Amino acid sequence: RGDLVRVHRLGAQSPWPGIAHALVRPDGYVGYLARGTDLTGL
């Protein structure tokens, strides 16, 4: 799905503290959100 999903590594410049991952939809809303590095839910 690389043509439809762009990856951004935010480091500390993030709205979420710590380690988390979020999938943002094309309209700018968060579709999926989770803490940690387990990408199973994503």
PDB file of all heavy atoms in Angstrom:
ATOM      1  N   ARG A   1       0.821  -1.215   0.000  1.00  0.00           N
ATOM      2  CA  ARG A   1       0.000   0.000   0.000  1.00  0.00           C
ATOM      3  C   ARG A   1       0.853   1.263   0.000  1.00  0.00           C
ATOM      4  O   ARG A   1       0.369   2.337   0.346  1.00  0.00           O
ATOM      5  CB  ARG A   1      -0.917   0.008   1.217  1.00  0.00           C
ATOM      6  CG  ARG A   1      -1.882  -1.178   1.287  1.00  0.00           C
ATOM      7  CD  ARG A   1      -2.727  -1.076   2.539  1.00  0.00           C
ATOM      8  NE  ARG A   1      -3.692  -2.156   2.655  1.00  0.00           N
ATOM      9  CZ  ARG A   1      -3.469  -3.303   3.294  1.00  0.00           C
ATOM     10  NH1 ARG A   1      -2.272  -3.517   3.869  1.00  0.00           N
ATOM     11  NH2 ARG A   1      -4.409  -4.222   3.363  1.00  0.00           N
ATOM     12  N   GLY A   2       2.097   1.166  -0.369  1.00  0.00           N
ATOM     13  CA  GLY A   2       2.996   2.310  -0.313  1.00  0.00           C
ATOM     14  C   GLY A   2       2.556   3.489  -1.146  1.00  0.00           C
ATOM     15  O   GLY A   2       2.900   4.636  -0.848  1.00  0.00           O
ATOM     16  N   ASP A   3       1.770   3.248  -2.203  1.00  0.00           N
ATOM     17  CA  ASP A   3       1.297   4.351  -3.041  1.00  0.00           C
ATOM     18  C   ASP A   3       0.148   5.121  -2.399  1.00  0.00           C
ATOM     19  O   ASP A   3      -0.186   6.219  -2.848  1.00  0.00           O
ATOM     20  CB  ASP A   3       0.841   3.825  -4.411  1.00  0.00           C
ATOM     21  CG  ASP A   3       2.028   3.450  -5.291  1.00  0.00           C
ATOM     22  OD1 ASP A   3       3.161   3.803  -4.924  1.00  0.00           O
ATOM     23  OD2 ASP A   3       1.812   2.801  -6.323  1.00  0.00           O
ATOM     24  N   LEU A   4      -0.470   4.548  -1.370  1.00  0.00           N
ATOM     25  CA  LEU A   4      -1.600   5.195  -0.726  1.00  0.00           C
ATOM     26  C   LEU A   4      -1.326   5.611   0.717  1.00  0.00           C
ATOM     27  O   LEU A   4      -2.114   6.349   1.301  1.00  0.00           O
ATOM     28  CB  LEU A   4      -2.824   4.270  -0.736  1.00  0.00           C
ATOM     29  CG  LEU A   4      -3.556   4.122  -2.058  1.00  0.00           C
ATOM     30  CD1 LEU A   4      -4.678   3.105  -1.932  1.00  0.00           C
ATOM     31  CD2 LEU A   4      -4.108   5.454  -2.519  1.00  0.00           C
ATOM     32  N   VAL A   5      -0.243   5.144   1.294  1.00  0.00           N
ATOM     33  CA  VAL A   5       0.083   5.459   2.692  1.00  0.00           C
ATOM     34  C   VAL A   5       1.504   6.011   2.745  1.00  0.00           C
ATOM     35  O   VAL A   5       2.465   5.315   2.390  1.00  0.00           O
ATOM     36  CB  VAL A   5      -0.029   4.211   3.590  1.00  0.00           C
ATOM     37  CG1 VAL A   5       0.288   4.582   5.044  1.00  0.00           C
ATOM     38  CG2 VAL A   5      -1.409   3.588   3.492  1.00  0.00           C
ATOM     39  N   ARG A   6       1.644   7.229   3.199  1.00  0.00           N
ATOM     40  CA  ARG A   6       2.950   7.859   3.349  1.00  0.00           C
ATOM     41  C   ARG A   6       3.370   7.799   4.813  1.00  0.00           C
ATOM     42  O   ARG A   6       2.557   8.023   5.702  1.00  0.00           O
ATOM     43  CB  ARG A   6       2.911   9.307   2.854  1.00  0.00           C
ATOM     44  CG  ARG A   6       2.528   9.423   1.388  1.00  0.00           C
ATOM     45  CD  ARG A   6       2.638  10.850   0.878  1.00  0.00           C
ATOM     46  NE  ARG A   6       2.232  10.944  -0.510  1.00  0.00           N
ATOM     47  CZ  ARG A   6       3.042  10.683  -1.543  1.00  0.00           C
ATOM     48  NH1 ARG A   6       4.291  10.326  -1.311  1.00  0.00           N
ATOM     49  NH2 ARG A   6       2.605  10.793  -2.779  1.00  0.00           N
ATOM     50  N   VAL A   7       4.627   7.498   5.043  1.00  0.00           N
ATOM     51  CA  VAL A   7       5.146   7.305   6.397  1.00  0.00           C
ATOM     52  C   VAL A   7       5.916   8.544   6.842  1.00  0.00           C
ATOM     53  O   VAL A   7       6.734   9.084   6.097  1.00  0.00           O
ATOM     54  CB  VAL A   7       6.055   6.064   6.457  1.00  0.00           C
ATOM     55  CG1 VAL A   7       6.592   5.871   7.879  1.00  0.00           C
ATOM     56  CG2 VAL A   7       5.290   4.821   6.003  1.00  0.00           C
ATOM     57  N   HIS A   8       5.643   8.998   8.067  1.00  0.00           N
ATOM     58  CA  HIS A   8       6.320  10.165   8.641  1.00  0.00           C
ATOM     59  C   HIS A   8       6.856   9.778  10.021  1.00  0.00           C
ATOM     60  O   HIS A   8       6.101   9.304  10.879  1.00  0.00           O
ATOM     61  CB  HIS A   8       5.362  11.348   8.784  1.00  0.00           C
ATOM     62  CG  HIS A   8       4.647  11.707   7.518  1.00  0.00           C
ATOM     63  ND1 HIS A   8       5.132  12.643   6.636  1.00  0.00           N
ATOM     64  CD2 HIS A   8       3.480  11.245   6.989  1.00  0.00           C
ATOM     65  CE1 HIS A   8       4.301  12.751   5.619  1.00  0.00           C
ATOM     66  NE2 HIS A   8       3.288  11.923   5.809  1.00  0.00           N
ATOM     67  N   ARG A   9       8.144   9.973  10.229  1.00  0.00           N
ATOM     68  CA  ARG A   9       8.762   9.722  11.527  1.00  0.00           C
ATOM     69  C   ARG A   9       8.872  11.061  12.250  1.00  0.00           C
ATOM     70  O   ARG A   9       9.662  11.923  11.863  1.00  0.00           O
ATOM     71  CB  ARG A   9      10.124   9.071  11.331  1.00  0.00           C
ATOM     72  CG  ARG A   9      10.039   7.757  10.542  1.00  0.00           C
ATOM     73  CD  ARG A   9      11.415   7.205  10.190  1.00  0.00           C
ATOM     74  NE  ARG A   9      11.279   6.053   9.314  1.00  0.00           N
ATOM     75  CZ  ARG A   9      11.099   4.806   9.747  1.00  0.00           C
ATOM     76  NH1 ARG A   9      11.065   4.573  11.058  1.00  0.00           N
ATOM     77  NH2 ARG A   9      10.974   3.806   8.900  1.00  0.00           N
ATOM     78  N   LEU A  10       8.084  11.203  13.295  1.00  0.00           N
ATOM     79  CA  LEU A  10       7.959  12.500  13.946  1.00  0.00           C
ATOM     80  C   LEU A  10       8.947  12.707  15.083  1.00  0.00           C
ATOM     81  O   LEU A  10       9.209  13.848  15.464  1.00  0.00           O
ATOM     82  CB  LEU A  10       6.530  12.677  14.486  1.00  0.00           C
ATOM     83  CG  LEU A  10       5.403  12.562  13.467  1.00  0.00           C
ATOM     84  CD1 LEU A  10       4.070  12.832  14.148  1.00  0.00           C
ATOM     85  CD2 LEU A  10       5.606  13.510  12.299  1.00  0.00           C
ATOM     86  N   GLY A  11       9.474  11.640  15.664  1.00  0.00           N
ATOM     87  CA  GLY A  11      10.350  11.815  16.817  1.00  0.00           C
ATOM     88  C   GLY A  11       9.597  12.472  17.957  1.00  0.00           C
ATOM     89  O   GLY A  11       8.471  12.107  18.296  1.00  0.00           O
ATOM     90  N   ALA A  12      10.195  13.511  18.517  1.00  0.00           N
ATOM     91  CA  ALA A  12       9.551  14.218  19.636  1.00  0.00           C
ATOM     92  C   ALA A  12       8.560  15.273  19.156  1.00  0.00           C
ATOM     93  O   ALA A  12       7.773  15.794  19.956  1.00  0.00           O
ATOM     94  CB  ALA A  12      10.612  14.868  20.515  1.00  0.00           C
ATOM     95  N   GLN A  13       8.588  15.626  17.859  1.00  0.00           N
ATOM     96  CA  GLN A  13       7.661  16.645  17.327  1.00  0.00           C
ATOM     97  C   GLN A  13       6.317  15.995  17.021  1.00  0.00           C
ATOM     98  O   GLN A  13       5.929  15.830  15.877  1.00  0.00           O
ATOM     99  CB  GLN A  13       8.262  17.275  16.066  1.00  0.00           C
ATOM    100  CG  GLN A  13       9.573  17.991  16.294  1.00  0.00           C
ATOM    101  CD  GLN A  13       9.400  19.217  17.179  1.00  0.00           C
ATOM    102  OE1 GLN A  13       8.401  19.918  17.112  1.00  0.00           O
ATOM    103  NE2 GLN A  13      10.389  19.477  18.018  1.00  0.00           N
ATOM    104  N   SER A  14       5.593  15.619  18.075  1.00  0.00           N
ATOM    105  CA  SER A  14       4.378  14.848  17.915  1.00  0.00           C
ATOM    106  C   SER A  14       3.310  15.308  18.892  1.00  0.00           C
ATOM    107  O   SER A  14       3.629  15.759  19.994  1.00  0.00           O
ATOM    108  CB  SER A  14       4.684  13.358  18.159  1.00  0.00           C
ATOM    109  OG  SER A  14       3.496  12.611  18.338  1.00  0.00           O
ATOM    110  N   PRO A  15       2.045  15.191  18.513  1.00  0.00           N
ATOM    111  CA  PRO A  15       0.968  15.511  19.464  1.00  0.00           C
ATOM    112  C   PRO A  15       0.828  14.473  20.570  1.00  0.00           C
ATOM    113  O   PRO A  15       0.128  14.710  21.555  1.00  0.00           O
ATOM    114  CB  PRO A  15      -0.289  15.533  18.595  1.00  0.00           C
ATOM    115  CG  PRO A  15       0.189  15.563  17.177  1.00  0.00           C
ATOM    116  CD  PRO A  15       1.517  14.902  17.179  1.00  0.00           C
ATOM    117  N   TRP A  16       1.473  13.296  20.392  1.00  0.00           N
ATOM    118  CA  TRP A  16       1.369  12.225  21.373  1.00  0.00           C
ATOM    119  C   TRP A  16       2.727  11.988  22.033  1.00  0.00           C
ATOM    120  O   TRP A  16       3.733  11.763  21.352  1.00  0.00           O
ATOM    121  CB  TRP A  16       0.904  10.921  20.705  1.00  0.00           C
ATOM    122  CG  TRP A  16      -0.402  11.056  20.011  1.00  0.00           C
ATOM    123  CD1 TRP A  16      -1.647  10.973  20.561  1.00  0.00           C
ATOM    124  CD2 TRP A  16      -0.617  11.284  18.610  1.00  0.00           C
ATOM    125  NE1 TRP A  16      -2.616  11.143  19.610  1.00  0.00           N
ATOM    126  CE2 TRP A  16      -2.015  11.330  18.394  1.00  0.00           C
ATOM    127  CE3 TRP A  16       0.237  11.444  17.513  1.00  0.00           C
ATOM    128  CZ2 TRP A  16      -2.575  11.544  17.143  1.00  0.00           C
ATOM    129  CZ3 TRP A  16      -0.320  11.667  16.269  1.00  0.00           C
ATOM    130  CH2 TRP A  16      -1.705  11.709  16.086  1.00  0.00           C
ATOM    131  N   PRO A  17       2.799  12.026  23.354  1.00  0.00           N
ATOM    132  CA  PRO A  17       4.072  11.756  24.027  1.00  0.00           C
ATOM    133  C   PRO A  17       4.426  10.273  23.976  1.00  0.00           C
ATOM    134  O   PRO A  17       3.545   9.416  23.871  1.00  0.00           O
ATOM    135  CB  PRO A  17       3.796  12.212  25.466  1.00  0.00           C
ATOM    136  CG  PRO A  17       2.319  12.043  25.637  1.00  0.00           C
ATOM    137  CD  PRO A  17       1.716  12.349  24.292  1.00  0.00           C
ATOM    138  N   GLY A  18       5.711   9.990  24.025  1.00  0.00           N
ATOM    139  CA  GLY A  18       6.139   8.597  24.034  1.00  0.00           C
ATOM    140  C   GLY A  18       6.090   7.966  22.660  1.00  0.00           C
ATOM    141  O   GLY A  18       6.152   8.638  21.625  1.00  0.00           O
ATOM    142  N   ILE A  19       5.946   6.648  22.664  1.00  0.00           N
ATOM    143  CA  ILE A  19       5.937   5.871  21.421  1.00  0.00           C
ATOM    144  C   ILE A  19       4.497   5.550  21.044  1.00  0.00           C
ATOM    145  O   ILE A  19       3.760   4.933  21.813  1.00  0.00           O
ATOM    146  CB  ILE A  19       6.751   4.577  21.571  1.00  0.00           C
ATOM    147  CG1 ILE A  19       8.213   4.897  21.920  1.00  0.00           C
ATOM    148  CG2 ILE A  19       6.687   3.752  20.295  1.00  0.00           C
ATOM    149  CD1 ILE A  19       9.065   3.677  22.175  1.00  0.00           C
ATOM    150  N   ALA A  20       4.092   5.972  19.881  1.00  0.00           N
ATOM    151  CA  ALA A  20       2.728   5.732  19.403  1.00  0.00           C
ATOM    152  C   ALA A  20       2.724   5.760  17.886  1.00  0.00           C
ATOM    153  O   ALA A  20       3.709   6.178  17.247  1.00  0.00           O
ATOM    154  CB  ALA A  20       1.764   6.779  19.963  1.00  0.00           C
ATOM    155  N   HIS A  21       1.642   5.302  17.296  1.00  0.00           N
ATOM    156  CA  HIS A  21       1.486   5.396  15.849  1.00  0.00           C
ATOM    157  C   HIS A  21       0.033   5.735  15.533  1.00  0.00           C
ATOM    158  O   HIS A  21      -0.900   5.314  16.226  1.00  0.00           O
ATOM    159  CB  HIS A  21       1.903   4.102  15.134  1.00  0.00           C
ATOM    160  CG  HIS A  21       1.211   2.866  15.619  1.00  0.00           C
ATOM    161  ND1 HIS A  21       1.533   2.237  16.813  1.00  0.00           N
ATOM    162  CD2 HIS A  21       0.201   2.129  15.071  1.00  0.00           C
ATOM    163  CE1 HIS A  21       0.777   1.169  16.972  1.00  0.00           C
ATOM    164  NE2 HIS A  21      -0.044   1.076  15.934  1.00  0.00           N
ATOM    165  N   ALA A  22      -0.135   6.544  14.493  1.00  0.00           N
ATOM    166  CA  ALA A  22      -1.460   7.011  14.092  1.00  0.00           C
ATOM    167  C   ALA A  22      -1.560   7.018  12.586  1.00  0.00           C
ATOM    168  O   ALA A  22      -0.594   7.354  11.883  1.00  0.00           O
ATOM    169  CB  ALA A  22      -1.735   8.409  14.644  1.00  0.00           C
ATOM    170  N   LEU A  23      -2.738   6.665  12.099  1.00  0.00           N
ATOM    171  CA  LEU A  23      -3.005   6.720  10.666  1.00  0.00           C
ATOM    172  C   LEU A  23      -3.981   7.864  10.422  1.00  0.00           C
ATOM    173  O   LEU A  23      -5.107   7.859  10.938  1.00  0.00           O
ATOM    174  CB  LEU A  23      -3.612   5.400  10.175  1.00  0.00           C
ATOM    175  CG  LEU A  23      -3.791   5.286   8.655  1.00  0.00           C
ATOM    176  CD1 LEU A  23      -2.432   5.198   7.969  1.00  0.00           C
ATOM    177  CD2 LEU A  23      -4.654   4.068   8.298  1.00  0.00           C
ATOM    178  N   VAL A  24      -3.541   8.857   9.654  1.00  0.00           N
ATOM    179  CA  VAL A  24      -4.346  10.041   9.383  1.00  0.00           C
ATOM    180  C   VAL A  24      -4.996   9.897   8.009  1.00  0.00           C
ATOM    181  O   VAL A  24      -4.328   9.570   7.017  1.00  0.00           O
ATOM    182  CB  VAL A  24      -3.494  11.316   9.441  1.00  0.00           C
ATOM    183  CG1 VAL A  24      -4.327  12.550   9.129  1.00  0.00           C
ATOM    184  CG2 VAL A  24      -2.848  11.454  10.814  1.00  0.00           C
ATOM    185  N   ARG A  25      -6.288  10.136   7.950  1.00  0.00           N
ATOM    186  CA  ARG A  25      -7.036  10.000   6.715  1.00  0.00           C
ATOM    187  C   ARG A  25      -6.756  11.166   5.764  1.00  0.00           C
ATOM    188  O   ARG A  25      -6.209  12.187   6.178  1.00  0.00           O
ATOM    189  CB  ARG A  25      -8.538   9.935   7.020  1.00  0.00           C
ATOM    190  CG  ARG A  25      -8.893   8.958   8.101  1.00  0.00           C
ATOM    191  CD  ARG A  25     -10.365   8.833   8.384  1.00  0.00           C
ATOM    192  NE  ARG A  25     -11.177  10.005   8.199  1.00  0.00           N
ATOM    193  CZ  ARG A  25     -12.483  10.054   8.435  1.00  0.00           C
ATOM    194  NH1 ARG A  25     -13.105   8.975   8.893  1.00  0.00           N
ATOM    195  NH2 ARG A  25     -13.178  11.154   8.246  1.00  0.00           N
ATOM    196  N   PRO A  26      -7.149  11.061   4.508  1.00  0.00           N
ATOM    197  CA  PRO A  26      -6.934  12.166   3.562  1.00  0.00           C
ATOM    198  C   PRO A  26      -7.618  13.467   3.942  1.00  0.00           C
ATOM    199  O   PRO A  26      -7.210  14.530   3.470  1.00  0.00           O
ATOM    200  CB  PRO A  26      -7.497  11.606   2.247  1.00  0.00           C
ATOM    201  CG  PRO A  26      -7.337  10.125   2.365  1.00  0.00           C
ATOM    202  CD  PRO A  26      -7.603   9.829   3.809  1.00  0.00           C
ATOM    203  N   ASP A  27      -8.665  13.423   4.790  1.00  0.00           N
ATOM    204  CA  ASP A  27      -9.325  14.661   5.193  1.00  0.00           C
ATOM    205  C   ASP A  27      -8.730  15.254   6.461  1.00  0.00           C
ATOM    206  O   ASP A  27      -9.263  16.225   7.006  1.00  0.00           O
ATOM    207  CB  ASP A  27     -10.828  14.443   5.368  1.00  0.00           C
ATOM    208  CG  ASP A  27     -11.153  13.377   6.415  1.00  0.00           C
ATOM    209  OD1 ASP A  27     -10.220  12.746   6.935  1.00  0.00           O
ATOM    210  OD2 ASP A  27     -12.354  13.187   6.714  1.00  0.00           O
ATOM    211  N   GLY A  28      -7.606  14.699   6.947  1.00  0.00           N
ATOM    212  CA  GLY A  28      -6.918  15.279   8.091  1.00  0.00           C
ATOM    213  C   GLY A  28      -7.405  14.796   9.444  1.00  0.00           C
ATOM    214  O   GLY A  28      -7.020  15.353  10.471  1.00  0.00           O
ATOM    215  N   TYR A  29      -8.226  13.758   9.475  1.00  0.00           N
ATOM    216  CA  TYR A  29      -8.718  13.205  10.740  1.00  0.00           C
ATOM    217  C   TYR A  29      -8.004  11.890  11.042  1.00  0.00           C
ATOM    218  O   TYR A  29      -7.654  11.124  10.140  1.00  0.00           O
ATOM    219  CB  TYR A  29     -10.230  12.989  10.691  1.00  0.00           C
ATOM    220  CG  TYR A  29     -11.009  14.273  10.869  1.00  0.00           C
ATOM    221  CD1 TYR A  29     -11.198  15.151   9.799  1.00  0.00           C
ATOM    222  CD2 TYR A  29     -11.535  14.624  12.106  1.00  0.00           C
ATOM    223  CE1 TYR A  29     -11.903  16.342   9.971  1.00  0.00           C
ATOM    224  CE2 TYR A  29     -12.235  15.811  12.283  1.00  0.00           C
ATOM    225  CZ  TYR A  29     -12.417  16.660  11.213  1.00  0.00           C
ATOM    226  OH  TYR A  29     -13.100  17.847  11.387  1.00  0.00           O
ATOM    227  N   VAL A  30      -7.805  11.643  12.337  1.00  0.00           N
ATOM    228  CA  VAL A  30      -7.111  10.435  12.763  1.00  0.00           C
ATOM    229  C   VAL A  30      -8.060   9.244  12.626  1.00  0.00           C
ATOM    230  O   VAL A  30      -9.126   9.204  13.257  1.00  0.00           O
ATOM    231  CB  VAL A  30      -6.640  10.562  14.223  1.00  0.00           C
ATOM    232  CG1 VAL A  30      -5.938   9.282  14.669  1.00  0.00           C
ATOM    233  CG2 VAL A  30      -5.704  11.762  14.373  1.00  0.00           C
ATOM    234  N   GLY A  31      -7.671   8.267  11.807  1.00  0.00           N
ATOM    235  CA  GLY A  31      -8.497   7.080  11.612  1.00  0.00           C
ATOM    236  C   GLY A  31      -8.181   5.981  12.596  1.00  0.00           C
ATOM    237  O   GLY A  31      -9.078   5.355  13.158  1.00  0.00           O
ATOM    238  N   TYR A  32      -6.876   5.754  12.814  1.00  0.00           N
ATOM    239  CA  TYR A  32      -6.450   4.702  13.745  1.00  0.00           C
ATOM    240  C   TYR A  32      -5.372   5.270  14.651  1.00  0.00           C
ATOM    241  O   TYR A  32      -4.516   6.059  14.209  1.00  0.00           O
ATOM    242  CB  TYR A  32      -5.911   3.490  12.986  1.00  0.00           C
ATOM    243  CG  TYR A  32      -5.435   2.385  13.918  1.00  0.00           C
ATOM    244  CD1 TYR A  32      -6.334   1.459  14.434  1.00  0.00           C
ATOM    245  CD2 TYR A  32      -4.098   2.289  14.284  1.00  0.00           C
ATOM    246  CE1 TYR A  32      -5.921   0.467  15.303  1.00  0.00           C
ATOM    247  CE2 TYR A  32      -3.671   1.297  15.154  1.00  0.00           C
ATOM    248  CZ  TYR A  32      -4.581   0.385  15.666  1.00  0.00           C
ATOM    249  OH  TYR A  32      -4.163  -0.588  16.533  1.00  0.00           O
ATOM    250  N   LEU A  33      -5.393   4.844  15.918  1.00  0.00           N
ATOM    251  CA  LEU A  33      -4.420   5.349  16.884  1.00  0.00           C
ATOM    252  C   LEU A  33      -4.129   4.270  17.918  1.00  0.00           C
ATOM    253  O   LEU A  33      -5.042   3.604  18.413  1.00  0.00           O
ATOM    254  CB  LEU A  33      -4.971   6.594  17.589  1.00  0.00           C
ATOM    255  CG  LEU A  33      -4.138   7.181  18.733  1.00  0.00           C
ATOM    256  CD1 LEU A  33      -2.806   7.716  18.204  1.00  0.00           C
ATOM    257  CD2 LEU A  33      -4.908   8.280  19.449  1.00  0.00           C
ATOM    258  N   ALA A  34      -2.857   4.108  18.239  1.00  0.00           N
ATOM    259  CA  ALA A  34      -2.470   3.148  19.274  1.00  0.00           C
ATOM    260  C   ALA A  34      -1.123   3.545  19.851  1.00  0.00           C
ATOM    261  O   ALA A  34      -0.319   4.232  19.202  1.00  0.00           O
ATOM    262  CB  ALA A  34      -2.413   1.726  18.711  1.00  0.00           C
ATOM    263  N   ARG A  35      -0.878   3.092  21.075  1.00  0.00           N
ATOM    264  CA  ARG A  35       0.407   3.320  21.737  1.00  0.00           C
ATOM    265  C   ARG A  35       1.282   2.092  21.537  1.00  0.00           C
ATOM    266  O   ARG A  35       0.801   0.964  21.468  1.00  0.00           O
ATOM    267  CB  ARG A  35       0.157   3.584  23.232  1.00  0.00           C
ATOM    268  CG  ARG A  35       1.374   3.967  24.035  1.00  0.00           C
ATOM    269  CD  ARG A  35       0.950   4.715  25.309  1.00  0.00           C
ATOM    270  NE  ARG A  35      -0.052   3.997  26.067  1.00  0.00           N
ATOM    271  CZ  ARG A  35       0.209   3.225  27.120  1.00  0.00           C
ATOM    272  NH1 ARG A  35       1.459   3.078  27.538  1.00  0.00           N
ATOM    273  NH2 ARG A  35      -0.768   2.611  27.770  1.00  0.00           N
ATOM    274  N   GLY A  36       2.601   2.326  21.442  1.00  0.00           N
ATOM    275  CA  GLY A  36       3.528   1.224  21.275  1.00  0.00           C
ATOM    276  C   GLY A  36       3.876   0.963  19.827  1.00  0.00           C
ATOM    277  O   GLY A  36       3.453   1.680  18.916  1.00  0.00           O
ATOM    278  N   THR A  37       4.643  -0.097  19.609  1.00  0.00           N
ATOM    279  CA  THR A  37       5.156  -0.414  18.272  1.00  0.00           C
ATOM    280  C   THR A  37       4.472  -1.616  17.629  1.00  0.00           C
ATOM    281  O   THR A  37       4.834  -1.994  16.519  1.00  0.00           O
ATOM    282  CB  THR A  37       6.663  -0.683  18.347  1.00  0.00           C
ATOM    283  OG1 THR A  37       6.900  -1.786  19.246  1.00  0.00           O
ATOM    284  CG2 THR A  37       7.417   0.545  18.847  1.00  0.00           C
ATOM    285  N   ASP A  38       3.520  -2.212  18.295  1.00  0.00           N
ATOM    286  CA  ASP A  38       2.807  -3.355  17.720  1.00  0.00           C
ATOM    287  C   ASP A  38       1.836  -2.844  16.659  1.00  0.00           C
ATOM    288  O   ASP A  38       0.868  -2.147  16.959  1.00  0.00           O
ATOM    289  CB  ASP A  38       2.056  -4.102  18.818  1.00  0.00           C
ATOM    290  CG  ASP A  38       1.394  -5.380  18.299  1.00  0.00           C
ATOM    291  OD1 ASP A  38       1.473  -5.638  17.071  1.00  0.00           O
ATOM    292  OD2 ASP A  38       0.788  -6.100  19.109  1.00  0.00           O
ATOM    293  N   LEU A  39       2.087  -3.192  15.403  1.00  0.00           N
ATOM    294  CA  LEU A  39       1.282  -2.702  14.284  1.00  0.00           C
ATOM    295  C   LEU A  39       0.178  -3.669  13.867  1.00  0.00           C
ATOM    296  O   LEU A  39      -0.408  -3.508  12.796  1.00  0.00           O
ATOM    297  CB  LEU A  39       2.185  -2.412  13.084  1.00  0.00           C
ATOM    298  CG  LEU A  39       3.300  -1.380  13.309  1.00  0.00           C
ATOM    299  CD1 LEU A  39       4.120  -1.198  12.039  1.00  0.00           C
ATOM    300  CD2 LEU A  39       2.721  -0.055  13.769  1.00  0.00           C
ATOM    301  N   THR A  40      -0.117  -4.649  14.711  1.00  0.00           N
ATOM    302  CA  THR A  40      -1.146  -5.634  14.355  1.00  0.00           C
ATOM    303  C   THR A  40      -2.506  -4.965  14.138  1.00  0.00           C
ATOM    304  O   THR A  40      -3.205  -5.238  13.155  1.00  0.00           O
ATOM    305  CB  THR A  40      -1.266  -6.702  15.455  1.00  0.00           C
ATOM    306  OG1 THR A  40       0.010  -7.324  15.658  1.00  0.00           O
ATOM    307  CG2 THR A  40      -2.288  -7.757  15.058  1.00  0.00           C
ATOM    308  N   GLY A  41      -2.892  -4.085  15.064  1.00  0.00           N
ATOM    309  CA  GLY A  41      -4.175  -3.398  14.927  1.00  0.00           C
ATOM    310  C   GLY A  41      -4.226  -2.512  13.695  1.00  0.00           C
ATOM    311  O   GLY A  41      -5.255  -2.408  13.030  1.00  0.00           O
ATOM    312  N   LEU A  42      -3.115  -1.869  13.389  1.00  0.00           N
ATOM    313  CA  LEU A  42      -3.047  -1.026  12.194  1.00  0.00           C
ATOM    314  C   LEU A  42      -3.248  -1.860  10.936  1.00  0.00           C
ATOM    315  O   LEU A  42      -3.994  -1.456  10.024  1.00  0.00           O
ATOM    316  CB  LEU A  42      -1.700  -0.306  12.138  1.00  0.00           C
ATOM    317  CG  LEU A  42      -1.417   0.454  10.842  1.00  0.00           C
ATOM    318  CD1 LEU A  42      -2.359   1.643  10.699  1.00  0.00           C
ATOM    319  CD2 LEU A  42       0.041   0.923  10.797  1.00  0.00           C
TER     320      LEU A  42
END
